[in-house]
């Protein structure tokens, strides 16, 4: 019997890998084809048996949720708002394409922390400062991170942060192919989870 299947928490789907997609709510700078790339990323997360987790926002994360739902995947959103009303009226955020929305009430900074901590891995697509924030939280929490390369600047900026940060990290994978990137992220998560249960 392998280590993960003997884990007492591996019942009723609790061991299903959760992948956060981090990206910009405003996508004007994301470049041609960004919509389809984000949707395909969401589709691959669902196809490969993982749960999609987003910040319950518009733009790139919403597009990933659209893709995940197209193929019958599970989509969970963590909102900065304290209620559905605040989510819609104050933050102007959507309710669509999510099976469950958790209303954190912690605003964007607190939501980002809960978002990354509740996920096994974080994949960063086209983003802005919020994506950098989620990336650095995930880095400090020793999460598996995927850097999705596309017609946007964020992938290069994150690589530059890594280069200038002078901290080695073996849990980061990069690439432009959604299928391959998600597969490598999942394999890296499994590798480190197995090692955790062996300790």
N, C-alpha and C. Protein backbone atom coordinates (compact mmCIF):
# COMPACT_ATOMS: atom_id res chain seq x y z
N UNK A 1 0.85 -1.20 0.00
CA UNK A 1 0.00 0.00 0.00
C UNK A 1 0.88 1.24 0.00
N UNK A 2 0.57 2.22 -0.90
CA UNK A 2 1.42 3.41 -0.95
C UNK A 2 1.10 4.35 0.20
N UNK A 3 1.99 5.32 0.39
CA UNK A 3 1.91 6.20 1.55
C UNK A 3 0.63 7.03 1.53
N UNK A 4 0.26 7.59 0.37
CA UNK A 4 -0.91 8.46 0.31
C UNK A 4 -2.21 7.70 0.55
N UNK A 5 -2.31 6.47 0.02
CA UNK A 5 -3.55 5.73 0.20
C UNK A 5 -3.72 5.24 1.64
N UNK A 6 -2.62 5.16 2.40
CA UNK A 6 -2.72 4.75 3.79
C UNK A 6 -2.97 5.94 4.73
N UNK A 7 -2.95 7.14 4.17
CA UNK A 7 -3.20 8.34 4.95
C UNK A 7 -4.67 8.35 5.41
N UNK A 8 -4.96 8.52 6.71
CA UNK A 8 -6.34 8.49 7.21
C UNK A 8 -7.22 9.60 6.65
N UNK A 9 -6.62 10.68 6.13
CA UNK A 9 -7.41 11.77 5.58
C UNK A 9 -7.75 11.54 4.11
N UNK A 10 -7.25 10.47 3.52
CA UNK A 10 -7.48 10.19 2.11
C UNK A 10 -8.80 9.44 1.93
N UNK A 11 -9.90 10.05 2.42
CA UNK A 11 -11.23 9.47 2.32
C UNK A 11 -12.18 10.51 1.75
N UNK A 12 -13.18 10.06 1.01
CA UNK A 12 -14.22 10.94 0.49
C UNK A 12 -13.65 12.10 -0.32
N UNK A 13 -12.54 11.89 -1.02
CA UNK A 13 -11.99 12.92 -1.89
C UNK A 13 -11.19 14.01 -1.21
N UNK A 14 -10.93 13.87 0.09
CA UNK A 14 -10.18 14.93 0.78
C UNK A 14 -8.77 15.09 0.24
N UNK A 15 -8.26 14.05 -0.41
CA UNK A 15 -6.90 14.12 -0.92
C UNK A 15 -6.83 14.73 -2.31
N UNK A 16 -7.97 15.14 -2.87
CA UNK A 16 -7.98 15.76 -4.19
C UNK A 16 -7.13 17.02 -4.16
N UNK A 17 -6.22 17.13 -5.10
CA UNK A 17 -5.28 18.25 -5.12
C UNK A 17 -6.02 19.54 -5.50
N UNK A 18 -5.72 20.60 -4.77
CA UNK A 18 -6.33 21.90 -5.00
C UNK A 18 -5.30 22.85 -5.61
N UNK A 19 -5.61 23.37 -6.78
CA UNK A 19 -4.69 24.27 -7.48
C UNK A 19 -5.32 25.65 -7.60
N UNK A 20 -4.63 26.63 -7.05
CA UNK A 20 -5.06 28.02 -7.15
C UNK A 20 -4.54 28.61 -8.46
N UNK A 21 -5.41 29.30 -9.19
CA UNK A 21 -4.98 30.07 -10.35
C UNK A 21 -4.98 31.54 -9.95
N UNK A 22 -3.82 32.13 -10.00
CA UNK A 22 -3.63 33.53 -9.64
C UNK A 22 -3.46 34.35 -10.91
N UNK A 23 -4.18 35.47 -11.00
CA UNK A 23 -4.07 36.30 -12.19
C UNK A 23 -4.84 37.59 -12.05
N UNK A 24 -4.72 38.41 -13.06
CA UNK A 24 -5.28 39.75 -13.04
C UNK A 24 -6.79 39.76 -13.20
N UNK A 25 -7.46 40.61 -12.41
CA UNK A 25 -8.89 40.83 -12.58
C UNK A 25 -9.14 41.73 -13.79
N UNK A 26 -8.22 42.63 -14.07
CA UNK A 26 -8.29 43.51 -15.23
C UNK A 26 -7.25 43.00 -16.23
N UNK A 27 -7.72 42.55 -17.39
CA UNK A 27 -6.85 41.80 -18.30
C UNK A 27 -6.46 42.56 -19.57
N UNK A 28 -6.60 43.88 -19.57
CA UNK A 28 -6.29 44.66 -20.76
C UNK A 28 -4.86 44.52 -21.25
N UNK A 29 -3.96 44.13 -20.37
CA UNK A 29 -2.53 44.03 -20.72
C UNK A 29 -2.10 42.59 -21.01
N UNK A 30 -3.03 41.65 -21.03
CA UNK A 30 -2.66 40.23 -21.07
C UNK A 30 -2.27 39.72 -22.46
N UNK A 31 -2.65 40.43 -23.50
CA UNK A 31 -2.22 40.04 -24.84
C UNK A 31 -3.23 39.14 -25.55
N UNK A 32 -3.01 38.96 -26.83
CA UNK A 32 -3.90 38.15 -27.66
C UNK A 32 -3.88 36.69 -27.23
N UNK A 33 -5.05 36.09 -27.19
CA UNK A 33 -5.14 34.68 -26.86
C UNK A 33 -5.18 34.36 -25.39
N UNK A 34 -5.12 35.38 -24.53
CA UNK A 34 -5.07 35.13 -23.08
C UNK A 34 -6.33 34.45 -22.58
N UNK A 35 -7.48 34.83 -23.12
CA UNK A 35 -8.74 34.22 -22.69
C UNK A 35 -8.72 32.72 -22.91
N UNK A 36 -8.37 32.29 -24.11
CA UNK A 36 -8.38 30.87 -24.42
C UNK A 36 -7.30 30.12 -23.63
N UNK A 37 -6.15 30.75 -23.41
CA UNK A 37 -5.09 30.11 -22.63
C UNK A 37 -5.54 29.90 -21.18
N UNK A 38 -6.20 30.90 -20.61
CA UNK A 38 -6.69 30.78 -19.23
C UNK A 38 -7.75 29.70 -19.13
N UNK A 39 -8.66 29.67 -20.10
CA UNK A 39 -9.71 28.65 -20.10
C UNK A 39 -9.12 27.25 -20.24
N UNK A 40 -8.11 27.11 -21.09
CA UNK A 40 -7.48 25.81 -21.26
C UNK A 40 -6.74 25.39 -19.99
N UNK A 41 -6.16 26.34 -19.29
CA UNK A 41 -5.52 26.04 -18.01
C UNK A 41 -6.56 25.48 -17.04
N UNK A 42 -7.72 26.13 -16.96
CA UNK A 42 -8.79 25.64 -16.10
C UNK A 42 -9.29 24.27 -16.52
N UNK A 43 -9.42 24.06 -17.82
CA UNK A 43 -9.85 22.75 -18.32
C UNK A 43 -8.87 21.66 -17.90
N UNK A 44 -7.57 21.96 -18.03
CA UNK A 44 -6.56 20.95 -17.70
C UNK A 44 -6.54 20.64 -16.21
N UNK A 45 -6.75 21.65 -15.38
CA UNK A 45 -6.81 21.40 -13.94
C UNK A 45 -7.94 20.42 -13.65
N UNK A 46 -9.09 20.63 -14.28
CA UNK A 46 -10.24 19.73 -14.08
C UNK A 46 -10.00 18.36 -14.70
N UNK A 47 -9.49 18.34 -15.92
CA UNK A 47 -9.25 17.06 -16.61
C UNK A 47 -8.28 16.17 -15.84
N UNK A 48 -7.31 16.81 -15.17
CA UNK A 48 -6.30 16.03 -14.46
C UNK A 48 -6.69 15.76 -13.00
N UNK A 49 -7.97 15.99 -12.69
CA UNK A 49 -8.51 15.56 -11.41
C UNK A 49 -8.30 16.47 -10.24
N UNK A 50 -7.87 17.70 -10.48
CA UNK A 50 -7.65 18.64 -9.38
C UNK A 50 -8.85 19.57 -9.24
N UNK A 51 -8.92 20.24 -8.10
CA UNK A 51 -9.95 21.25 -7.83
C UNK A 51 -9.35 22.61 -8.12
N UNK A 52 -10.09 23.46 -8.84
CA UNK A 52 -9.64 24.82 -9.10
C UNK A 52 -10.05 25.73 -7.95
N UNK A 53 -9.10 26.52 -7.47
CA UNK A 53 -9.36 27.51 -6.44
C UNK A 53 -8.95 28.88 -6.98
N UNK A 54 -9.84 29.87 -6.85
CA UNK A 54 -9.51 31.23 -7.29
C UNK A 54 -9.92 32.24 -6.23
N UNK A 55 -9.59 33.49 -6.51
CA UNK A 55 -9.97 34.57 -5.62
C UNK A 55 -11.38 35.08 -5.86
N UNK A 56 -12.21 34.28 -6.53
CA UNK A 56 -13.63 34.62 -6.78
C UNK A 56 -13.76 35.97 -7.46
N UNK A 57 -12.87 36.20 -8.43
CA UNK A 57 -12.78 37.52 -9.04
C UNK A 57 -13.06 37.44 -10.54
N UNK A 58 -12.88 38.57 -11.21
CA UNK A 58 -13.06 38.65 -12.66
C UNK A 58 -11.75 38.30 -13.37
N UNK A 59 -11.72 38.48 -14.68
CA UNK A 59 -10.48 38.37 -15.44
C UNK A 59 -9.92 36.97 -15.55
N UNK A 60 -8.60 36.87 -15.43
CA UNK A 60 -7.88 35.62 -15.68
C UNK A 60 -8.38 34.47 -14.81
N UNK A 61 -8.57 34.66 -13.49
CA UNK A 61 -9.08 33.56 -12.67
C UNK A 61 -10.49 33.13 -13.08
N UNK A 62 -11.33 34.09 -13.45
CA UNK A 62 -12.69 33.76 -13.89
C UNK A 62 -12.64 32.95 -15.18
N UNK A 63 -11.77 33.33 -16.09
CA UNK A 63 -11.62 32.58 -17.35
C UNK A 63 -11.21 31.14 -17.06
N UNK A 64 -10.28 30.95 -16.11
CA UNK A 64 -9.87 29.59 -15.74
C UNK A 64 -11.06 28.82 -15.17
N UNK A 65 -11.89 29.49 -14.36
CA UNK A 65 -13.08 28.85 -13.81
C UNK A 65 -14.06 28.47 -14.90
N UNK A 66 -14.21 29.33 -15.90
CA UNK A 66 -15.07 29.01 -17.04
C UNK A 66 -14.60 27.73 -17.72
N UNK A 67 -13.29 27.63 -17.93
CA UNK A 67 -12.74 26.43 -18.56
C UNK A 67 -12.95 25.18 -17.73
N UNK A 68 -12.74 25.30 -16.43
CA UNK A 68 -12.92 24.14 -15.55
C UNK A 68 -14.36 23.66 -15.57
N UNK A 69 -15.31 24.58 -15.55
CA UNK A 69 -16.72 24.20 -15.55
C UNK A 69 -17.16 23.62 -16.90
N UNK A 70 -16.51 24.04 -17.98
CA UNK A 70 -16.83 23.49 -19.30
C UNK A 70 -16.64 21.98 -19.37
N UNK A 71 -15.69 21.48 -18.58
CA UNK A 71 -15.40 20.04 -18.61
C UNK A 71 -15.83 19.35 -17.31
N UNK A 72 -16.72 20.00 -16.57
CA UNK A 72 -17.29 19.38 -15.38
C UNK A 72 -16.43 19.41 -14.14
N UNK A 73 -15.47 20.34 -14.08
CA UNK A 73 -14.59 20.43 -12.93
C UNK A 73 -15.23 21.13 -11.74
N UNK A 74 -14.54 21.08 -10.62
CA UNK A 74 -15.00 21.72 -9.38
C UNK A 74 -14.25 23.04 -9.20
N UNK A 75 -14.99 24.11 -8.96
CA UNK A 75 -14.42 25.45 -8.86
C UNK A 75 -14.82 26.09 -7.54
N UNK A 76 -13.82 26.48 -6.76
CA UNK A 76 -14.05 27.11 -5.46
C UNK A 76 -13.46 28.52 -5.48
N UNK A 77 -14.20 29.50 -4.96
CA UNK A 77 -13.71 30.87 -4.90
C UNK A 77 -13.61 31.36 -3.47
N UNK A 78 -12.54 32.08 -3.16
CA UNK A 78 -12.39 32.74 -1.85
C UNK A 78 -12.51 34.24 -2.08
N UNK A 79 -13.56 34.83 -1.52
CA UNK A 79 -13.85 36.24 -1.75
C UNK A 79 -13.23 37.13 -0.68
N UNK A 80 -12.85 38.35 -1.05
CA UNK A 80 -12.39 39.30 -0.04
C UNK A 80 -13.55 39.84 0.81
N UNK A 81 -14.77 39.64 0.34
CA UNK A 81 -15.95 40.19 1.00
C UNK A 81 -16.40 39.32 2.17
N UNK A 82 -17.23 39.91 3.04
CA UNK A 82 -17.75 39.19 4.21
C UNK A 82 -19.10 38.54 3.93
N UNK A 83 -19.73 38.89 2.80
CA UNK A 83 -21.04 38.34 2.47
C UNK A 83 -21.24 38.37 0.96
N UNK A 84 -22.25 37.65 0.52
CA UNK A 84 -22.56 37.66 -0.91
C UNK A 84 -22.92 39.07 -1.38
N UNK A 85 -23.69 39.77 -0.57
CA UNK A 85 -24.08 41.14 -0.94
C UNK A 85 -22.86 42.04 -1.10
N UNK A 86 -21.94 41.98 -0.14
CA UNK A 86 -20.73 42.80 -0.24
C UNK A 86 -19.89 42.37 -1.43
N UNK A 87 -19.84 41.09 -1.68
CA UNK A 87 -19.11 40.53 -2.82
C UNK A 87 -19.59 41.16 -4.13
N UNK A 88 -20.91 41.22 -4.28
CA UNK A 88 -21.50 41.71 -5.52
C UNK A 88 -21.58 43.24 -5.57
N UNK A 89 -22.05 43.86 -4.49
CA UNK A 89 -22.32 45.29 -4.52
C UNK A 89 -21.10 46.17 -4.24
N UNK A 90 -20.27 45.76 -3.31
CA UNK A 90 -19.11 46.58 -2.95
C UNK A 90 -17.89 46.24 -3.81
N UNK A 91 -17.59 44.95 -3.90
CA UNK A 91 -16.40 44.54 -4.65
C UNK A 91 -16.68 44.35 -6.14
N UNK A 92 -17.97 44.29 -6.53
CA UNK A 92 -18.35 44.12 -7.94
C UNK A 92 -17.77 42.84 -8.53
N UNK A 93 -17.86 41.75 -7.77
CA UNK A 93 -17.30 40.47 -8.19
C UNK A 93 -18.40 39.50 -8.61
N UNK A 94 -18.08 38.54 -9.45
CA UNK A 94 -19.09 37.63 -10.00
C UNK A 94 -19.42 36.46 -9.07
N UNK A 95 -20.56 35.85 -9.35
CA UNK A 95 -20.97 34.62 -8.67
C UNK A 95 -20.90 33.42 -9.61
N UNK A 96 -20.73 33.68 -10.89
CA UNK A 96 -20.76 32.62 -11.90
C UNK A 96 -19.53 31.73 -11.88
N UNK A 97 -19.71 30.52 -12.36
CA UNK A 97 -18.64 29.54 -12.60
C UNK A 97 -17.94 29.06 -11.33
N UNK A 98 -18.58 29.24 -10.18
CA UNK A 98 -18.02 28.74 -8.93
C UNK A 98 -19.06 27.86 -8.23
N UNK A 99 -18.63 26.69 -7.80
CA UNK A 99 -19.52 25.79 -7.08
C UNK A 99 -19.69 26.22 -5.64
N UNK A 100 -18.69 26.88 -5.12
CA UNK A 100 -18.70 27.31 -3.72
C UNK A 100 -17.90 28.60 -3.61
N UNK A 101 -18.45 29.58 -2.92
CA UNK A 101 -17.71 30.81 -2.61
C UNK A 101 -17.60 30.93 -1.10
N UNK A 102 -16.39 31.10 -0.62
CA UNK A 102 -16.15 31.31 0.82
C UNK A 102 -15.92 32.80 1.03
N UNK A 103 -16.74 33.40 1.86
CA UNK A 103 -16.64 34.84 2.11
C UNK A 103 -15.74 35.07 3.32
N UNK A 104 -14.51 35.52 3.05
CA UNK A 104 -13.50 35.62 4.10
C UNK A 104 -13.68 36.86 4.97
N UNK A 105 -14.13 37.96 4.37
CA UNK A 105 -14.26 39.21 5.12
C UNK A 105 -12.95 39.88 5.44
N UNK A 106 -11.86 39.47 4.80
CA UNK A 106 -10.53 39.98 5.14
C UNK A 106 -9.96 40.92 4.09
N UNK A 107 -10.77 41.37 3.13
CA UNK A 107 -10.23 42.23 2.09
C UNK A 107 -9.26 41.46 1.21
N UNK A 108 -8.64 42.16 0.28
CA UNK A 108 -7.74 41.48 -0.65
C UNK A 108 -6.48 40.90 0.01
N UNK A 109 -5.80 41.65 0.90
CA UNK A 109 -4.57 41.08 1.48
C UNK A 109 -4.82 39.81 2.29
N UNK A 110 -5.86 39.83 3.15
CA UNK A 110 -6.17 38.65 3.96
C UNK A 110 -6.70 37.51 3.11
N UNK A 111 -7.51 37.84 2.11
CA UNK A 111 -8.03 36.82 1.20
C UNK A 111 -6.89 36.10 0.50
N UNK A 112 -5.88 36.87 0.06
CA UNK A 112 -4.75 36.26 -0.65
C UNK A 112 -4.05 35.21 0.21
N UNK A 113 -3.89 35.50 1.49
CA UNK A 113 -3.24 34.56 2.40
C UNK A 113 -4.05 33.28 2.52
N UNK A 114 -5.35 33.40 2.74
CA UNK A 114 -6.20 32.22 2.85
C UNK A 114 -6.28 31.45 1.54
N UNK A 115 -6.29 32.18 0.43
CA UNK A 115 -6.37 31.58 -0.90
C UNK A 115 -5.18 30.66 -1.16
N UNK A 116 -3.99 31.15 -0.91
CA UNK A 116 -2.81 30.34 -1.18
C UNK A 116 -2.63 29.24 -0.15
N UNK A 117 -2.96 29.52 1.10
CA UNK A 117 -2.80 28.50 2.15
C UNK A 117 -3.78 27.35 2.00
N UNK A 118 -4.94 27.61 1.42
CA UNK A 118 -5.93 26.54 1.25
C UNK A 118 -5.67 25.70 0.01
N UNK A 119 -4.64 26.04 -0.75
CA UNK A 119 -4.31 25.34 -1.99
C UNK A 119 -3.02 24.54 -1.83
N UNK A 120 -2.90 23.48 -2.62
CA UNK A 120 -1.67 22.69 -2.62
C UNK A 120 -0.62 23.31 -3.53
N UNK A 121 -1.07 24.05 -4.52
CA UNK A 121 -0.17 24.69 -5.47
C UNK A 121 -0.81 25.95 -6.00
N UNK A 122 0.02 26.87 -6.50
CA UNK A 122 -0.46 28.12 -7.08
C UNK A 122 0.14 28.25 -8.47
N UNK A 123 -0.71 28.44 -9.47
CA UNK A 123 -0.24 28.70 -10.83
C UNK A 123 -0.51 30.17 -11.14
N UNK A 124 0.54 30.90 -11.50
CA UNK A 124 0.43 32.32 -11.81
C UNK A 124 0.38 32.53 -13.31
N UNK A 125 -0.69 33.18 -13.77
CA UNK A 125 -0.83 33.52 -15.18
C UNK A 125 -0.58 34.99 -15.39
N UNK A 126 -1.33 35.59 -16.32
CA UNK A 126 -1.22 37.04 -16.53
C UNK A 126 -1.69 37.74 -15.27
N UNK A 127 -0.86 38.62 -14.73
CA UNK A 127 -1.23 39.24 -13.47
C UNK A 127 -0.74 40.66 -13.31
N UNK A 128 -0.99 41.17 -12.11
CA UNK A 128 -0.54 42.50 -11.71
C UNK A 128 0.03 42.38 -10.30
N UNK A 129 -0.05 43.42 -9.51
CA UNK A 129 0.58 43.41 -8.19
C UNK A 129 -0.03 42.35 -7.27
N UNK A 130 -1.34 42.09 -7.40
CA UNK A 130 -1.97 41.08 -6.57
C UNK A 130 -1.41 39.69 -6.83
N UNK A 131 -1.08 39.42 -8.09
CA UNK A 131 -0.48 38.12 -8.44
C UNK A 131 0.91 38.01 -7.84
N UNK A 132 1.65 39.10 -7.84
CA UNK A 132 2.97 39.09 -7.20
C UNK A 132 2.82 38.82 -5.71
N UNK A 133 1.80 39.41 -5.10
CA UNK A 133 1.53 39.20 -3.67
C UNK A 133 1.25 37.72 -3.40
N UNK A 134 0.37 37.12 -4.18
CA UNK A 134 0.04 35.71 -4.00
C UNK A 134 1.24 34.82 -4.28
N UNK A 135 2.04 35.19 -5.26
CA UNK A 135 3.27 34.45 -5.57
C UNK A 135 4.23 34.46 -4.38
N UNK A 136 4.44 35.63 -3.78
CA UNK A 136 5.41 35.72 -2.67
C UNK A 136 4.90 35.00 -1.43
N UNK A 137 3.58 35.05 -1.18
CA UNK A 137 3.03 34.30 -0.05
C UNK A 137 3.25 32.81 -0.27
N UNK A 138 2.94 32.34 -1.48
CA UNK A 138 3.12 30.92 -1.80
C UNK A 138 4.59 30.52 -1.67
N UNK A 139 5.49 31.39 -2.11
CA UNK A 139 6.92 31.12 -2.01
C UNK A 139 7.33 30.97 -0.54
N UNK A 140 6.93 31.93 0.29
CA UNK A 140 7.30 31.90 1.71
C UNK A 140 6.67 30.72 2.44
N UNK A 141 5.50 30.27 1.97
CA UNK A 141 4.83 29.11 2.58
C UNK A 141 5.32 27.78 2.00
N UNK A 142 6.30 27.84 1.12
CA UNK A 142 6.92 26.64 0.55
C UNK A 142 5.92 25.81 -0.26
N UNK A 143 5.03 26.51 -0.97
CA UNK A 143 4.05 25.84 -1.84
C UNK A 143 4.68 25.52 -3.19
N UNK A 144 4.10 24.56 -3.86
CA UNK A 144 4.46 24.31 -5.26
C UNK A 144 3.90 25.47 -6.08
N UNK A 145 4.72 26.01 -6.98
CA UNK A 145 4.31 27.15 -7.80
C UNK A 145 4.52 26.84 -9.27
N UNK A 146 3.52 27.15 -10.08
CA UNK A 146 3.65 27.07 -11.52
C UNK A 146 3.65 28.47 -12.10
N UNK A 147 4.57 28.74 -13.01
CA UNK A 147 4.61 30.02 -13.72
C UNK A 147 4.17 29.74 -15.15
N UNK A 148 2.98 30.20 -15.50
CA UNK A 148 2.39 29.96 -16.80
C UNK A 148 2.88 31.03 -17.78
N UNK A 149 3.66 30.61 -18.75
CA UNK A 149 4.21 31.54 -19.73
C UNK A 149 3.19 31.79 -20.84
N UNK A 150 3.04 33.05 -21.21
CA UNK A 150 2.09 33.40 -22.26
C UNK A 150 2.42 34.76 -22.84
N UNK A 151 1.48 35.37 -23.56
CA UNK A 151 1.73 36.66 -24.19
C UNK A 151 1.61 37.83 -23.21
N UNK A 152 2.05 37.60 -21.99
CA UNK A 152 1.98 38.62 -20.94
C UNK A 152 3.34 38.76 -20.28
N UNK A 153 3.52 39.84 -19.55
CA UNK A 153 4.82 40.15 -18.94
C UNK A 153 5.06 39.43 -17.63
N UNK A 154 4.01 38.98 -16.96
CA UNK A 154 4.12 38.49 -15.59
C UNK A 154 5.11 37.33 -15.44
N UNK A 155 5.12 36.40 -16.40
CA UNK A 155 6.02 35.25 -16.24
C UNK A 155 7.47 35.70 -16.18
N UNK A 156 7.84 36.66 -17.03
CA UNK A 156 9.20 37.18 -17.00
C UNK A 156 9.50 37.94 -15.73
N UNK A 157 8.52 38.68 -15.24
CA UNK A 157 8.71 39.45 -14.01
C UNK A 157 8.90 38.53 -12.80
N UNK A 158 8.12 37.45 -12.75
CA UNK A 158 8.26 36.51 -11.63
C UNK A 158 9.62 35.80 -11.68
N UNK A 159 10.07 35.47 -12.88
CA UNK A 159 11.39 34.84 -13.01
C UNK A 159 12.49 35.80 -12.57
N UNK A 160 12.30 37.08 -12.88
CA UNK A 160 13.29 38.08 -12.46
C UNK A 160 13.31 38.22 -10.94
N UNK A 161 12.13 38.19 -10.32
CA UNK A 161 12.06 38.23 -8.85
C UNK A 161 12.81 37.04 -8.26
N UNK A 162 12.62 35.87 -8.84
CA UNK A 162 13.32 34.67 -8.36
C UNK A 162 14.82 34.82 -8.50
N UNK A 163 15.24 35.33 -9.65
CA UNK A 163 16.68 35.49 -9.90
C UNK A 163 17.31 36.48 -8.93
N UNK A 164 16.61 37.57 -8.66
CA UNK A 164 17.16 38.61 -7.79
C UNK A 164 16.89 38.34 -6.32
N UNK A 165 16.04 37.36 -6.03
CA UNK A 165 15.71 37.05 -4.65
C UNK A 165 16.76 36.22 -3.94
N UNK A 166 17.64 35.56 -4.72
CA UNK A 166 18.75 34.78 -4.16
C UNK A 166 18.31 33.72 -3.17
N UNK A 167 17.17 33.06 -3.48
CA UNK A 167 16.70 31.95 -2.64
C UNK A 167 16.35 30.79 -3.55
N UNK A 168 17.01 29.68 -3.35
CA UNK A 168 16.75 28.50 -4.18
C UNK A 168 15.38 27.92 -3.83
N UNK A 169 14.68 27.42 -4.85
CA UNK A 169 13.37 26.81 -4.63
C UNK A 169 13.18 25.70 -5.66
N UNK A 170 13.03 24.47 -5.18
CA UNK A 170 12.89 23.32 -6.07
C UNK A 170 11.43 22.98 -6.39
N UNK A 171 10.52 23.82 -5.92
CA UNK A 171 9.09 23.54 -6.12
C UNK A 171 8.45 24.44 -7.16
N UNK A 172 9.26 25.03 -8.03
CA UNK A 172 8.73 25.92 -9.06
C UNK A 172 8.90 25.30 -10.43
N UNK A 173 7.80 25.25 -11.18
CA UNK A 173 7.83 24.74 -12.55
C UNK A 173 7.30 25.82 -13.47
N UNK A 174 7.81 25.88 -14.70
CA UNK A 174 7.39 26.91 -15.65
C UNK A 174 7.10 26.27 -17.00
N UNK A 175 6.32 26.97 -17.80
CA UNK A 175 6.08 26.50 -19.15
C UNK A 175 4.87 27.14 -19.78
N UNK A 176 4.78 27.07 -21.14
CA UNK A 176 3.68 27.68 -21.87
C UNK A 176 2.54 26.73 -22.21
N UNK A 177 2.73 25.44 -21.98
CA UNK A 177 1.72 24.44 -22.35
C UNK A 177 0.88 24.09 -21.12
N UNK A 178 -0.42 24.45 -21.12
CA UNK A 178 -1.25 24.21 -19.93
C UNK A 178 -1.26 22.75 -19.48
N UNK A 179 -1.38 21.83 -20.42
CA UNK A 179 -1.45 20.40 -20.07
C UNK A 179 -0.18 19.95 -19.36
N UNK A 180 0.95 20.30 -19.93
CA UNK A 180 2.25 19.89 -19.37
C UNK A 180 2.51 20.60 -18.03
N UNK A 181 2.16 21.88 -17.96
CA UNK A 181 2.40 22.64 -16.73
C UNK A 181 1.58 22.07 -15.57
N UNK A 182 0.30 21.82 -15.81
CA UNK A 182 -0.56 21.27 -14.75
C UNK A 182 -0.07 19.89 -14.34
N UNK A 183 0.32 19.07 -15.30
CA UNK A 183 0.84 17.74 -14.99
C UNK A 183 2.08 17.81 -14.11
N UNK A 184 2.99 18.71 -14.44
CA UNK A 184 4.23 18.84 -13.66
C UNK A 184 3.94 19.41 -12.27
N UNK A 185 2.99 20.34 -12.18
CA UNK A 185 2.61 20.88 -10.87
C UNK A 185 2.04 19.77 -9.99
N UNK A 186 1.14 18.97 -10.55
CA UNK A 186 0.53 17.87 -9.79
C UNK A 186 1.58 16.85 -9.36
N UNK A 187 2.48 16.49 -10.25
CA UNK A 187 3.52 15.53 -9.90
C UNK A 187 4.42 16.07 -8.80
N UNK A 188 4.71 17.36 -8.84
CA UNK A 188 5.55 17.97 -7.80
C UNK A 188 4.82 17.98 -6.46
N UNK A 189 3.53 18.29 -6.47
CA UNK A 189 2.73 18.25 -5.24
C UNK A 189 2.75 16.84 -4.65
N UNK A 190 2.51 15.85 -5.50
CA UNK A 190 2.50 14.45 -5.02
C UNK A 190 3.85 14.04 -4.45
N UNK A 191 4.89 14.43 -5.11
CA UNK A 191 6.25 14.10 -4.65
C UNK A 191 6.49 14.62 -3.24
N UNK A 192 6.15 15.87 -3.00
CA UNK A 192 6.42 16.45 -1.68
C UNK A 192 5.42 15.99 -0.64
N UNK A 193 4.19 15.68 -1.04
CA UNK A 193 3.22 15.14 -0.07
C UNK A 193 3.65 13.77 0.41
N UNK A 194 4.12 12.93 -0.51
CA UNK A 194 4.60 11.60 -0.12
C UNK A 194 5.75 11.73 0.87
N UNK A 195 6.66 12.65 0.60
CA UNK A 195 7.79 12.85 1.50
C UNK A 195 7.33 13.32 2.88
N UNK A 196 6.26 14.16 2.93
CA UNK A 196 5.74 14.64 4.21
C UNK A 196 5.21 13.48 5.05
N UNK A 197 4.48 12.54 4.41
CA UNK A 197 3.89 11.44 5.16
C UNK A 197 4.93 10.39 5.55
N UNK A 198 6.08 10.42 4.91
CA UNK A 198 7.15 9.48 5.27
C UNK A 198 7.96 9.99 6.44
N UNK A 199 7.81 11.26 6.76
CA UNK A 199 8.63 11.85 7.85
C UNK A 199 8.08 11.44 9.21
